[in-house]
Structure formats: C-alpha cells, structure tokens
N, C-alpha and C. Protein backbone atom coordinates (compact mmCIF):
# COMPACT_ATOMS: atom_id res chain seq x y z
N UNK A 1 113.61 102.27 124.30
CA UNK A 1 113.45 103.30 123.28
C UNK A 1 112.88 102.70 122.00
N UNK A 2 113.40 101.56 121.60
CA UNK A 2 112.91 100.92 120.38
C UNK A 2 111.47 100.48 120.56
N UNK A 3 111.14 100.01 121.75
CA UNK A 3 109.78 99.57 122.03
C UNK A 3 108.81 100.75 121.90
N UNK A 4 109.21 101.92 122.38
CA UNK A 4 108.35 103.09 122.28
C UNK A 4 108.16 103.52 120.83
N UNK A 5 109.24 103.47 120.05
CA UNK A 5 109.14 103.83 118.64
C UNK A 5 108.26 102.85 117.88
N UNK A 6 108.38 101.59 118.21
CA UNK A 6 107.54 100.59 117.57
C UNK A 6 106.08 100.81 117.92
N UNK A 7 105.81 101.11 119.17
CA UNK A 7 104.45 101.39 119.61
C UNK A 7 103.88 102.61 118.89
N UNK A 8 104.67 103.67 118.81
CA UNK A 8 104.21 104.89 118.13
C UNK A 8 103.95 104.64 116.64
N UNK A 9 104.82 103.87 116.00
CA UNK A 9 104.64 103.53 114.60
C UNK A 9 103.35 102.72 114.41
N UNK A 10 103.11 101.78 115.30
CA UNK A 10 101.90 100.97 115.23
C UNK A 10 100.66 101.85 115.38
N UNK A 11 100.67 102.74 116.34
CA UNK A 11 99.52 103.63 116.56
C UNK A 11 99.32 104.54 115.35
N UNK A 12 100.39 105.04 114.78
CA UNK A 12 100.30 105.90 113.59
C UNK A 12 99.70 105.14 112.41
N UNK A 13 100.18 103.93 112.16
CA UNK A 13 99.67 103.13 111.05
C UNK A 13 98.20 102.77 111.29
N UNK A 14 97.87 102.42 112.51
CA UNK A 14 96.48 102.08 112.83
C UNK A 14 95.58 103.29 112.62
N UNK A 15 96.02 104.46 113.03
CA UNK A 15 95.23 105.67 112.85
C UNK A 15 95.04 106.02 111.38
N UNK A 16 96.08 105.86 110.58
CA UNK A 16 95.97 106.16 109.16
C UNK A 16 95.05 105.19 108.44
N UNK A 17 95.18 103.91 108.73
CA UNK A 17 94.36 102.93 108.02
C UNK A 17 92.91 102.99 108.45
N UNK A 18 92.66 103.31 109.70
CA UNK A 18 91.26 103.37 110.13
C UNK A 18 90.53 104.53 109.47
N UNK A 19 91.22 105.63 109.25
CA UNK A 19 90.56 106.76 108.60
C UNK A 19 90.36 106.50 107.11
N UNK A 20 91.25 105.74 106.52
CA UNK A 20 91.11 105.42 105.09
C UNK A 20 90.02 104.39 104.88
N UNK A 21 89.98 103.38 105.74
CA UNK A 21 89.03 102.28 105.56
C UNK A 21 87.63 102.58 106.08
N UNK A 22 87.48 103.61 106.88
CA UNK A 22 86.18 103.91 107.46
C UNK A 22 85.35 104.72 106.47
N UNK A 23 84.52 104.03 105.71
CA UNK A 23 83.65 104.68 104.76
C UNK A 23 82.21 104.45 105.21
N UNK A 24 81.38 105.42 104.93
CA UNK A 24 79.98 105.30 105.34
C UNK A 24 79.25 104.21 104.57
N UNK A 25 79.31 104.27 103.26
CA UNK A 25 78.63 103.28 102.44
C UNK A 25 79.56 102.82 101.32
N UNK A 26 79.38 101.58 100.95
CA UNK A 26 80.11 101.04 99.81
C UNK A 26 79.06 100.70 98.76
N UNK A 27 79.11 101.41 97.67
CA UNK A 27 78.06 101.30 96.66
C UNK A 27 78.00 99.90 96.06
N UNK A 28 79.16 99.29 95.80
CA UNK A 28 79.16 97.96 95.20
C UNK A 28 78.52 96.94 96.13
N UNK A 29 78.84 97.01 97.42
CA UNK A 29 78.26 96.07 98.38
C UNK A 29 76.77 96.27 98.50
N UNK A 30 76.31 97.51 98.49
CA UNK A 30 74.87 97.77 98.57
C UNK A 30 74.15 97.22 97.34
N UNK A 31 74.76 97.40 96.18
CA UNK A 31 74.15 96.89 94.94
C UNK A 31 74.08 95.37 94.96
N UNK A 32 75.18 94.73 95.36
CA UNK A 32 75.20 93.27 95.40
C UNK A 32 74.23 92.73 96.45
N UNK A 33 74.11 93.43 97.56
CA UNK A 33 73.19 93.01 98.61
C UNK A 33 71.75 93.13 98.14
N UNK A 34 71.44 94.19 97.42
CA UNK A 34 70.06 94.37 96.94
C UNK A 34 69.70 93.36 95.86
N UNK A 35 70.67 92.94 95.07
CA UNK A 35 70.42 91.94 94.03
C UNK A 35 70.49 90.51 94.56
N UNK A 36 70.98 90.33 95.77
CA UNK A 36 71.11 88.99 96.34
C UNK A 36 72.39 88.29 95.93
N UNK A 37 73.27 88.97 95.23
CA UNK A 37 74.51 88.34 94.77
C UNK A 37 75.57 88.27 95.87
N UNK A 38 75.39 89.01 96.94
CA UNK A 38 76.38 89.00 98.01
C UNK A 38 76.47 87.62 98.63
N UNK A 39 75.34 86.90 98.63
CA UNK A 39 75.33 85.55 99.20
C UNK A 39 76.16 84.59 98.35
N UNK A 40 76.17 84.81 97.05
CA UNK A 40 77.01 84.00 96.16
C UNK A 40 78.48 84.27 96.46
N UNK A 41 78.83 85.52 96.65
CA UNK A 41 80.21 85.88 96.96
C UNK A 41 80.63 85.26 98.28
N UNK A 42 79.77 85.35 99.28
CA UNK A 42 80.09 84.77 100.59
C UNK A 42 80.21 83.26 100.49
N UNK A 43 79.34 82.62 99.72
CA UNK A 43 79.40 81.16 99.57
C UNK A 43 80.68 80.74 98.88
N UNK A 44 81.07 81.44 97.83
CA UNK A 44 82.31 81.10 97.12
C UNK A 44 83.52 81.30 98.03
N UNK A 45 83.53 82.39 98.78
CA UNK A 45 84.63 82.63 99.71
C UNK A 45 84.69 81.55 100.78
N UNK A 46 83.54 81.12 101.28
CA UNK A 46 83.51 80.06 102.29
C UNK A 46 84.00 78.74 101.71
N UNK A 47 83.64 78.43 100.48
CA UNK A 47 84.10 77.20 99.84
C UNK A 47 85.61 77.23 99.65
N UNK A 48 86.13 78.35 99.20
CA UNK A 48 87.58 78.48 99.00
C UNK A 48 88.33 78.33 100.33
N UNK A 49 87.84 79.00 101.37
CA UNK A 49 88.49 78.90 102.68
C UNK A 49 88.41 77.49 103.23
N UNK A 50 87.29 76.81 103.04
CA UNK A 50 87.16 75.43 103.48
C UNK A 50 88.12 74.53 102.73
N UNK A 51 88.27 74.75 101.43
CA UNK A 51 89.22 73.98 100.64
C UNK A 51 90.65 74.18 101.11
N UNK A 52 91.00 75.40 101.41
CA UNK A 52 92.35 75.68 101.92
C UNK A 52 92.56 75.00 103.26
N UNK A 53 91.57 75.06 104.14
CA UNK A 53 91.68 74.42 105.45
C UNK A 53 91.84 72.91 105.32
N UNK A 54 91.04 72.28 104.46
CA UNK A 54 91.14 70.83 104.25
C UNK A 54 92.52 70.47 103.70
N UNK A 55 93.02 71.26 102.78
CA UNK A 55 94.34 71.01 102.20
C UNK A 55 95.43 71.13 103.26
N UNK A 56 95.33 72.13 104.14
CA UNK A 56 96.33 72.30 105.19
C UNK A 56 96.29 71.14 106.18
N UNK A 57 95.11 70.65 106.52
CA UNK A 57 95.01 69.49 107.41
C UNK A 57 95.62 68.27 106.74
N UNK A 58 95.37 68.08 105.46
CA UNK A 58 95.95 66.98 104.71
C UNK A 58 97.47 67.05 104.72
N UNK A 59 98.01 68.24 104.46
CA UNK A 59 99.46 68.42 104.47
C UNK A 59 100.05 68.16 105.85
N UNK A 60 99.36 68.61 106.89
CA UNK A 60 99.85 68.40 108.25
C UNK A 60 99.94 66.92 108.56
N UNK A 61 98.92 66.16 108.21
CA UNK A 61 98.94 64.72 108.46
C UNK A 61 100.05 64.04 107.67
N UNK A 62 100.22 64.45 106.44
CA UNK A 62 101.25 63.85 105.59
C UNK A 62 102.65 64.15 106.14
N UNK A 63 102.87 65.39 106.54
CA UNK A 63 104.17 65.77 107.09
C UNK A 63 104.42 65.06 108.41
N UNK A 64 103.38 64.90 109.23
CA UNK A 64 103.53 64.20 110.50
C UNK A 64 103.93 62.74 110.27
N UNK A 65 103.32 62.11 109.28
CA UNK A 65 103.67 60.71 109.01
C UNK A 65 105.11 60.60 108.50
N UNK A 66 105.53 61.55 107.70
CA UNK A 66 106.92 61.54 107.20
C UNK A 66 107.89 61.75 108.35
N UNK A 67 107.55 62.67 109.28
CA UNK A 67 108.41 62.89 110.45
C UNK A 67 108.51 61.64 111.31
N UNK A 68 107.41 60.92 111.47
CA UNK A 68 107.45 59.67 112.25
C UNK A 68 108.35 58.64 111.59
N UNK A 69 108.27 58.53 110.26
CA UNK A 69 109.12 57.59 109.55
C UNK A 69 110.59 57.95 109.70
N UNK A 70 110.90 59.24 109.68
CA UNK A 70 112.29 59.68 109.84
C UNK A 70 112.78 59.37 111.24
N UNK A 71 111.93 59.58 112.26
CA UNK A 71 112.32 59.28 113.64
C UNK A 71 112.56 57.79 113.84
N UNK A 72 111.78 56.96 113.18
CA UNK A 72 111.94 55.53 113.33
C UNK A 72 113.23 55.04 112.70
N UNK A 73 113.69 55.68 111.65
CA UNK A 73 114.93 55.29 110.98
C UNK A 73 116.15 55.65 111.82
N UNK A 74 116.09 56.70 112.62
CA UNK A 74 117.26 57.11 113.39
C UNK A 74 117.31 56.47 114.73
C-alpha cells in the first residue's frame, strides 16, 4: 500500500513539474545566445563543476590516507 502511494505521489509530482517547466521559449536564453554570452555562462559553469570535482577527489584521497593510518594503528 505504501509503495503504491509513493508511486502515485511520484507520478503526481512529475506531472506537475513537467507542465510548469515545459516552456516554449525562454527569452533570457535566446537573448544570451544571440549575443554569444551563453558560451561564457557555460564556460563558467564548467569551470566551477571541474573545481568541485577536483576538490572532491582531493578530499577522497586525503580521507583514504587518514583511514589507512587509523587501520595501521589498530
């Protein structure tokens, strides 16, 4: 019963958001695309995402080394 209610809730939310988000044209995106500024936005977003990915890899390596040191002590 709970699984069915969860499924129905998911379908309802998906239906509501798809109708809200489905727009024919976005004026700001069209303007930025025509001016060539959309590429700047995409480049900045790619740089930020790459920075976050590099930071997460760095943290993973650091945490792994700390876990190895803890295992060696015990």
